[in-house]
Amino acid sequence: TLAGLGLVPHHFVTYYGFQIGVSLQAVL
């Protein structure tokens, strides 16, 4: 979200981190 608002840099973690977090969260 912060990267989408331009408040933090755009890179792999800020772009795919949400999706990776959802993957881990679904298992948890």
PDB file of all heavy atoms in Angstrom:
ATOM      1  N   THR A   1       0.827  -1.211   0.000  1.00  0.00           N
ATOM      2  CA  THR A   1       0.000   0.000   0.000  1.00  0.00           C
ATOM      3  C   THR A   1       0.858   1.257   0.000  1.00  0.00           C
ATOM      4  O   THR A   1       0.593   2.207  -0.751  1.00  0.00           O
ATOM      5  CB  THR A   1      -0.930  -0.007   1.222  1.00  0.00           C
ATOM      6  OG1 THR A   1      -1.741  -1.184   1.200  1.00  0.00           O
ATOM      7  CG2 THR A   1      -1.820   1.216   1.239  1.00  0.00           C
ATOM      8  N   LEU A   2       1.889   1.277   0.827  1.00  0.00           N
ATOM      9  CA  LEU A   2       2.760   2.461   0.891  1.00  0.00           C
ATOM     10  C   LEU A   2       3.485   2.681  -0.427  1.00  0.00           C
ATOM     11  O   LEU A   2       3.665   3.821  -0.873  1.00  0.00           O
ATOM     12  CB  LEU A   2       3.760   2.310   2.037  1.00  0.00           C
ATOM     13  CG  LEU A   2       3.157   2.297   3.451  1.00  0.00           C
ATOM     14  CD1 LEU A   2       4.247   2.072   4.489  1.00  0.00           C
ATOM     15  CD2 LEU A   2       2.421   3.607   3.731  1.00  0.00           C
ATOM     16  N   ALA A   3       3.890   1.573  -1.063  1.00  0.00           N
ATOM     17  CA  ALA A   3       4.535   1.718  -2.370  1.00  0.00           C
ATOM     18  C   ALA A   3       3.537   2.231  -3.404  1.00  0.00           C
ATOM     19  O   ALA A   3       3.888   3.027  -4.281  1.00  0.00           O
ATOM     20  CB  ALA A   3       5.126   0.384  -2.810  1.00  0.00           C
ATOM     21  N   GLY A   4       2.272   1.787  -3.309  1.00  0.00           N
ATOM     22  CA  GLY A   4       1.254   2.261  -4.232  1.00  0.00           C
ATOM     23  C   GLY A   4       0.985   3.739  -4.085  1.00  0.00           C
ATOM     24  O   GLY A   4       0.615   4.413  -5.055  1.00  0.00           O
ATOM     25  N   LEU A   5       1.181   4.264  -2.898  1.00  0.00           N
ATOM     26  CA  LEU A   5       1.002   5.700  -2.662  1.00  0.00           C
ATOM     27  C   LEU A   5       2.276   6.486  -2.932  1.00  0.00           C
ATOM     28  O   LEU A   5       2.294   7.713  -2.761  1.00  0.00           O
ATOM     29  CB  LEU A   5       0.543   5.930  -1.220  1.00  0.00           C
ATOM     30  CG  LEU A   5      -0.816   5.313  -0.854  1.00  0.00           C
ATOM     31  CD1 LEU A   5      -1.111   5.505   0.628  1.00  0.00           C
ATOM     32  CD2 LEU A   5      -1.941   5.907  -1.706  1.00  0.00           C
ATOM     33  N   GLY A   6       3.343   5.785  -3.329  1.00  0.00           N
ATOM     34  CA  GLY A   6       4.602   6.450  -3.639  1.00  0.00           C
ATOM     35  C   GLY A   6       5.410   6.847  -2.426  1.00  0.00           C
ATOM     36  O   GLY A   6       6.323   7.670  -2.530  1.00  0.00           O
ATOM     37  N   LEU A   7       5.110   6.248  -1.263  1.00  0.00           N
ATOM     38  CA  LEU A   7       5.793   6.633  -0.029  1.00  0.00           C
ATOM     39  C   LEU A   7       7.044   5.801   0.237  1.00  0.00           C
ATOM     40  O   LEU A   7       7.890   6.199   1.030  1.00  0.00           O
ATOM     41  CB  LEU A   7       4.823   6.516   1.155  1.00  0.00           C
ATOM     42  CG  LEU A   7       3.557   7.376   1.041  1.00  0.00           C
ATOM     43  CD1 LEU A   7       2.638   7.145   2.228  1.00  0.00           C
ATOM     44  CD2 LEU A   7       3.925   8.862   0.933  1.00  0.00           C
ATOM     45  N   VAL A   8       7.145   4.616  -0.373  1.00  0.00           N
ATOM     46  CA  VAL A   8       8.348   3.787  -0.244  1.00  0.00           C
ATOM     47  C   VAL A   8       8.727   3.327  -1.643  1.00  0.00           C
ATOM     48  O   VAL A   8       7.908   3.336  -2.566  1.00  0.00           O
ATOM     49  CB  VAL A   8       8.118   2.564   0.686  1.00  0.00           C
ATOM     50  CG1 VAL A   8       7.755   3.009   2.092  1.00  0.00           C
ATOM     51  CG2 VAL A   8       7.037   1.657   0.117  1.00  0.00           C
ATOM     52  N   PRO A   9       9.978   2.915  -1.854  1.00  0.00           N
ATOM     53  CA  PRO A   9      10.404   2.504  -3.201  1.00  0.00           C
ATOM     54  C   PRO A   9       9.641   1.277  -3.691  1.00  0.00           C
ATOM     55  O   PRO A   9       9.155   0.460  -2.917  1.00  0.00           O
ATOM     56  CB  PRO A   9      11.900   2.195  -3.018  1.00  0.00           C
ATOM     57  CG  PRO A   9      12.298   2.914  -1.778  1.00  0.00           C
ATOM     58  CD  PRO A   9      11.100   2.925  -0.893  1.00  0.00           C
ATOM     59  N   HIS A  10       9.585   1.170  -4.997  1.00  0.00           N
ATOM     60  CA  HIS A  10       8.980   0.006  -5.645  1.00  0.00           C
ATOM     61  C   HIS A  10      10.074  -1.008  -5.945  1.00  0.00           C
ATOM     62  O   HIS A  10      11.073  -0.691  -6.606  1.00  0.00           O
ATOM     63  CB  HIS A  10       8.289   0.441  -6.945  1.00  0.00           C
ATOM     64  CG  HIS A  10       7.905  -0.706  -7.830  1.00  0.00           C
ATOM     65  ND1 HIS A  10       6.916  -1.600  -7.500  1.00  0.00           N
ATOM     66  CD2 HIS A  10       8.394  -1.116  -9.036  1.00  0.00           C
ATOM     67  CE1 HIS A  10       6.797  -2.502  -8.460  1.00  0.00           C
ATOM     68  NE2 HIS A  10       7.686  -2.233  -9.414  1.00  0.00           N
ATOM     69  N   HIS A  11       9.911  -2.217  -5.417  1.00  0.00           N
ATOM     70  CA  HIS A  11      10.841  -3.301  -5.742  1.00  0.00           C
ATOM     71  C   HIS A  11      10.116  -4.625  -5.511  1.00  0.00           C
ATOM     72  O   HIS A  11       8.896  -4.656  -5.238  1.00  0.00           O
ATOM     73  CB  HIS A  11      12.136  -3.223  -4.926  1.00  0.00           C
ATOM     74  CG  HIS A  11      11.939  -2.980  -3.466  1.00  0.00           C
ATOM     75  ND1 HIS A  11      11.411  -3.912  -2.611  1.00  0.00           N
ATOM     76  CD2 HIS A  11      12.191  -1.872  -2.704  1.00  0.00           C
ATOM     77  CE1 HIS A  11      11.359  -3.436  -1.394  1.00  0.00           C
ATOM     78  NE2 HIS A  11      11.819  -2.188  -1.410  1.00  0.00           N
ATOM     79  N   PHE A  12      10.838  -5.731  -5.591  1.00  0.00           N
ATOM     80  CA  PHE A  12      10.205  -7.052  -5.521  1.00  0.00           C
ATOM     81  C   PHE A  12       9.435  -7.236  -4.222  1.00  0.00           C
ATOM     82  O   PHE A  12       8.304  -7.736  -4.219  1.00  0.00           O
ATOM     83  CB  PHE A  12      11.278  -8.141  -5.661  1.00  0.00           C
ATOM     84  CG  PHE A  12      10.726  -9.535  -5.579  1.00  0.00           C
ATOM     85  CD1 PHE A  12      10.232 -10.167  -6.710  1.00  0.00           C
ATOM     86  CD2 PHE A  12      10.687 -10.230  -4.372  1.00  0.00           C
ATOM     87  CE1 PHE A  12       9.715 -11.457  -6.647  1.00  0.00           C
ATOM     88  CE2 PHE A  12      10.174 -11.511  -4.294  1.00  0.00           C
ATOM     89  CZ  PHE A  12       9.682 -12.122  -5.449  1.00  0.00           C
ATOM     90  N   VAL A  13      10.015  -6.839  -3.090  1.00  0.00           N
ATOM     91  CA  VAL A  13       9.375  -7.060  -1.792  1.00  0.00           C
ATOM     92  C   VAL A  13       8.102  -6.242  -1.659  1.00  0.00           C
ATOM     93  O   VAL A  13       7.061  -6.744  -1.203  1.00  0.00           O
ATOM     94  CB  VAL A  13      10.361  -6.743  -0.655  1.00  0.00           C
ATOM     95  CG1 VAL A  13       9.657  -6.824   0.702  1.00  0.00           C
ATOM     96  CG2 VAL A  13      11.537  -7.708  -0.691  1.00  0.00           C
ATOM     97  N   THR A  14       8.141  -4.963  -2.070  1.00  0.00           N
ATOM     98  CA  THR A  14       6.951  -4.128  -1.920  1.00  0.00           C
ATOM     99  C   THR A  14       5.873  -4.467  -2.941  1.00  0.00           C
ATOM    100  O   THR A  14       4.698  -4.149  -2.729  1.00  0.00           O
ATOM    101  CB  THR A  14       7.315  -2.637  -2.049  1.00  0.00           C
ATOM    102  OG1 THR A  14       7.947  -2.416  -3.326  1.00  0.00           O
ATOM    103  CG2 THR A  14       8.251  -2.214  -0.947  1.00  0.00           C
ATOM    104  N   TYR A  15       6.255  -5.114  -4.055  1.00  0.00           N
ATOM    105  CA  TYR A  15       5.263  -5.464  -5.074  1.00  0.00           C
ATOM    106  C   TYR A  15       4.680  -6.859  -4.843  1.00  0.00           C
ATOM    107  O   TYR A  15       3.478  -7.070  -4.950  1.00  0.00           O
ATOM    108  CB  TYR A  15       5.901  -5.378  -6.464  1.00  0.00           C
ATOM    109  CG  TYR A  15       4.903  -5.518  -7.592  1.00  0.00           C
ATOM    110  CD1 TYR A  15       3.881  -4.580  -7.766  1.00  0.00           C
ATOM    111  CD2 TYR A  15       4.983  -6.574  -8.491  1.00  0.00           C
ATOM    112  CE1 TYR A  15       2.965  -4.704  -8.796  1.00  0.00           C
ATOM    113  CE2 TYR A  15       4.064  -6.705  -9.534  1.00  0.00           C
ATOM    114  CZ  TYR A  15       3.066  -5.764  -9.687  1.00  0.00           C
ATOM    115  OH  TYR A  15       2.160  -5.885 -10.704  1.00  0.00           O
ATOM    116  N   TYR A  16       5.537  -7.828  -4.518  1.00  0.00           N
ATOM    117  CA  TYR A  16       5.079  -9.208  -4.343  1.00  0.00           C
ATOM    118  C   TYR A  16       4.936  -9.606  -2.875  1.00  0.00           C
ATOM    119  O   TYR A  16       4.452 -10.698  -2.584  1.00  0.00           O
ATOM    120  CB  TYR A  16       6.041 -10.185  -5.025  1.00  0.00           C
ATOM    121  CG  TYR A  16       5.968 -10.160  -6.527  1.00  0.00           C
ATOM    122  CD1 TYR A  16       6.949  -9.519  -7.271  1.00  0.00           C
ATOM    123  CD2 TYR A  16       4.918 -10.760  -7.202  1.00  0.00           C
ATOM    124  CE1 TYR A  16       6.881  -9.479  -8.659  1.00  0.00           C
ATOM    125  CE2 TYR A  16       4.843 -10.733  -8.583  1.00  0.00           C
ATOM    126  CZ  TYR A  16       5.832 -10.086  -9.310  1.00  0.00           C
ATOM    127  OH  TYR A  16       5.764 -10.059 -10.672  1.00  0.00           O
ATOM    128  N   GLY A  17       5.367  -8.740  -1.953  1.00  0.00           N
ATOM    129  CA  GLY A  17       5.303  -9.095  -0.530  1.00  0.00           C
ATOM    130  C   GLY A  17       3.892  -9.378  -0.053  1.00  0.00           C
ATOM    131  O   GLY A  17       3.664 -10.284   0.759  1.00  0.00           O
ATOM    132  N   PHE A  18       2.928  -8.605  -0.550  1.00  0.00           N
ATOM    133  CA  PHE A  18       1.535  -8.812  -0.164  1.00  0.00           C
ATOM    134  C   PHE A  18       1.071 -10.200  -0.593  1.00  0.00           C
ATOM    135  O   PHE A  18       0.455 -10.945   0.170  1.00  0.00           O
ATOM    136  CB  PHE A  18       0.684  -7.720  -0.800  1.00  0.00           C
ATOM    137  CG  PHE A  18      -0.772  -7.749  -0.410  1.00  0.00           C
ATOM    138  CD1 PHE A  18      -1.206  -8.423   0.731  1.00  0.00           C
ATOM    139  CD2 PHE A  18      -1.720  -7.091  -1.179  1.00  0.00           C
ATOM    140  CE1 PHE A  18      -2.543  -8.441   1.091  1.00  0.00           C
ATOM    141  CE2 PHE A  18      -3.056  -7.107  -0.831  1.00  0.00           C
ATOM    142  CZ  PHE A  18      -3.465  -7.786   0.297  1.00  0.00           C
ATOM    143  N   GLN A  19       1.397 -10.581  -1.823  1.00  0.00           N
ATOM    144  CA  GLN A  19       0.969 -11.881  -2.335  1.00  0.00           C
ATOM    145  C   GLN A  19       1.664 -13.020  -1.607  1.00  0.00           C
ATOM    146  O   GLN A  19       1.041 -14.039  -1.280  1.00  0.00           O
ATOM    147  CB  GLN A  19       1.266 -11.957  -3.836  1.00  0.00           C
ATOM    148  CG  GLN A  19       0.540 -13.083  -4.543  1.00  0.00           C
ATOM    149  CD  GLN A  19       0.672 -12.978  -6.049  1.00  0.00           C
ATOM    150  OE1 GLN A  19       1.408 -12.140  -6.567  1.00  0.00           O
ATOM    151  NE2 GLN A  19      -0.042 -13.829  -6.763  1.00  0.00           N
ATOM    152  N   ILE A  20       2.955 -12.848  -1.319  1.00  0.00           N
ATOM    153  CA  ILE A  20       3.665 -13.881  -0.556  1.00  0.00           C
ATOM    154  C   ILE A  20       3.080 -13.984   0.854  1.00  0.00           C
ATOM    155  O   ILE A  20       2.895 -15.077   1.400  1.00  0.00           O
ATOM    156  CB  ILE A  20       5.172 -13.560  -0.497  1.00  0.00           C
ATOM    157  CG1 ILE A  20       5.774 -13.606  -1.904  1.00  0.00           C
ATOM    158  CG2 ILE A  20       5.910 -14.531   0.409  1.00  0.00           C
ATOM    159  CD1 ILE A  20       7.208 -13.145  -1.979  1.00  0.00           C
ATOM    160  N   GLY A  21       2.774 -12.817   1.453  1.00  0.00           N
ATOM    161  CA  GLY A  21       2.174 -12.822   2.785  1.00  0.00           C
ATOM    162  C   GLY A  21       0.832 -13.530   2.811  1.00  0.00           C
ATOM    163  O   GLY A  21       0.528 -14.273   3.749  1.00  0.00           O
ATOM    164  N   VAL A  22       0.015 -13.337   1.765  1.00  0.00           N
ATOM    165  CA  VAL A  22      -1.276 -14.021   1.689  1.00  0.00           C
ATOM    166  C   VAL A  22      -1.071 -15.529   1.562  1.00  0.00           C
ATOM    167  O   VAL A  22      -1.810 -16.327   2.153  1.00  0.00           O
ATOM    168  CB  VAL A  22      -2.102 -13.473   0.510  1.00  0.00           C
ATOM    169  CG1 VAL A  22      -3.325 -14.343   0.248  1.00  0.00           C
ATOM    170  CG2 VAL A  22      -2.536 -12.042   0.803  1.00  0.00           C
ATOM    171  N   SER A  23      -0.041 -15.946   0.788  1.00  0.00           N
ATOM    172  CA  SER A  23       0.243 -17.378   0.644  1.00  0.00           C
ATOM    173  C   SER A  23       0.560 -17.998   2.000  1.00  0.00           C
ATOM    174  O   SER A  23      -0.002 -19.038   2.374  1.00  0.00           O
ATOM    175  CB  SER A  23       1.427 -17.594  -0.312  1.00  0.00           C
ATOM    176  OG  SER A  23       1.194 -16.997  -1.559  1.00  0.00           O
ATOM    177  N   LEU A  24       1.469 -17.354   2.747  1.00  0.00           N
ATOM    178  CA  LEU A  24       1.834 -17.885   4.063  1.00  0.00           C
ATOM    179  C   LEU A  24       0.658 -17.799   5.028  1.00  0.00           C
ATOM    180  O   LEU A  24       0.429 -18.698   5.835  1.00  0.00           O
ATOM    181  CB  LEU A  24       3.031 -17.115   4.611  1.00  0.00           C
ATOM    182  CG  LEU A  24       4.337 -17.249   3.815  1.00  0.00           C
ATOM    183  CD1 LEU A  24       5.409 -16.334   4.387  1.00  0.00           C
ATOM    184  CD2 LEU A  24       4.822 -18.684   3.824  1.00  0.00           C
ATOM    185  N   GLN A  25      -0.096 -16.696   4.928  1.00  0.00           N
ATOM    186  CA  GLN A  25      -1.218 -16.521   5.846  1.00  0.00           C
ATOM    187  C   GLN A  25      -2.285 -17.583   5.631  1.00  0.00           C
ATOM    188  O   GLN A  25      -2.888 -18.077   6.588  1.00  0.00           O
ATOM    189  CB  GLN A  25      -1.824 -15.136   5.655  1.00  0.00           C
ATOM    190  CG  GLN A  25      -2.910 -14.824   6.681  1.00  0.00           C
ATOM    191  CD  GLN A  25      -4.007 -13.987   6.070  1.00  0.00           C
ATOM    192  OE1 GLN A  25      -4.291 -14.080   4.890  1.00  0.00           O
ATOM    193  NE2 GLN A  25      -4.650 -13.191   6.897  1.00  0.00           N
ATOM    194  N   ALA A  26      -2.534 -17.949   4.358  1.00  0.00           N
ATOM    195  CA  ALA A  26      -3.555 -18.958   4.083  1.00  0.00           C
ATOM    196  C   ALA A  26      -3.213 -20.274   4.766  1.00  0.00           C
ATOM    197  O   ALA A  26      -4.090 -20.955   5.304  1.00  0.00           O
ATOM    198  CB  ALA A  26      -3.686 -19.161   2.576  1.00  0.00           C
ATOM    199  N   VAL A  27      -1.912 -20.620   4.773  1.00  0.00           N
ATOM    200  CA  VAL A  27      -1.488 -21.850   5.448  1.00  0.00           C
ATOM    201  C   VAL A  27      -1.637 -21.701   6.963  1.00  0.00           C
ATOM    202  O   VAL A  27      -2.148 -22.598   7.651  1.00  0.00           O
ATOM    203  CB  VAL A  27      -0.030 -22.182   5.077  1.00  0.00           C
ATOM    204  CG1 VAL A  27       0.450 -23.408   5.849  1.00  0.00           C
ATOM    205  CG2 VAL A  27       0.094 -22.422   3.576  1.00  0.00           C
ATOM    206  N   LEU A  28      -1.211 -20.560   7.502  1.00  0.00           N
ATOM    207  CA  LEU A  28      -1.289 -20.337   8.948  1.00  0.00           C
ATOM    208  C   LEU A  28      -2.736 -20.295   9.424  1.00  0.00           C
ATOM    209  O   LEU A  28      -3.058 -20.757  10.525  1.00  0.00           O
ATOM    210  CB  LEU A  28      -0.567 -19.046   9.326  1.00  0.00           C
ATOM    211  CG  LEU A  28       0.960 -19.072   9.175  1.00  0.00           C
ATOM    212  CD1 LEU A  28       1.543 -17.686   9.378  1.00  0.00           C
ATOM    213  CD2 LEU A  28       1.579 -20.056  10.155  1.00  0.00           C
TER     214      LEU A  28
END
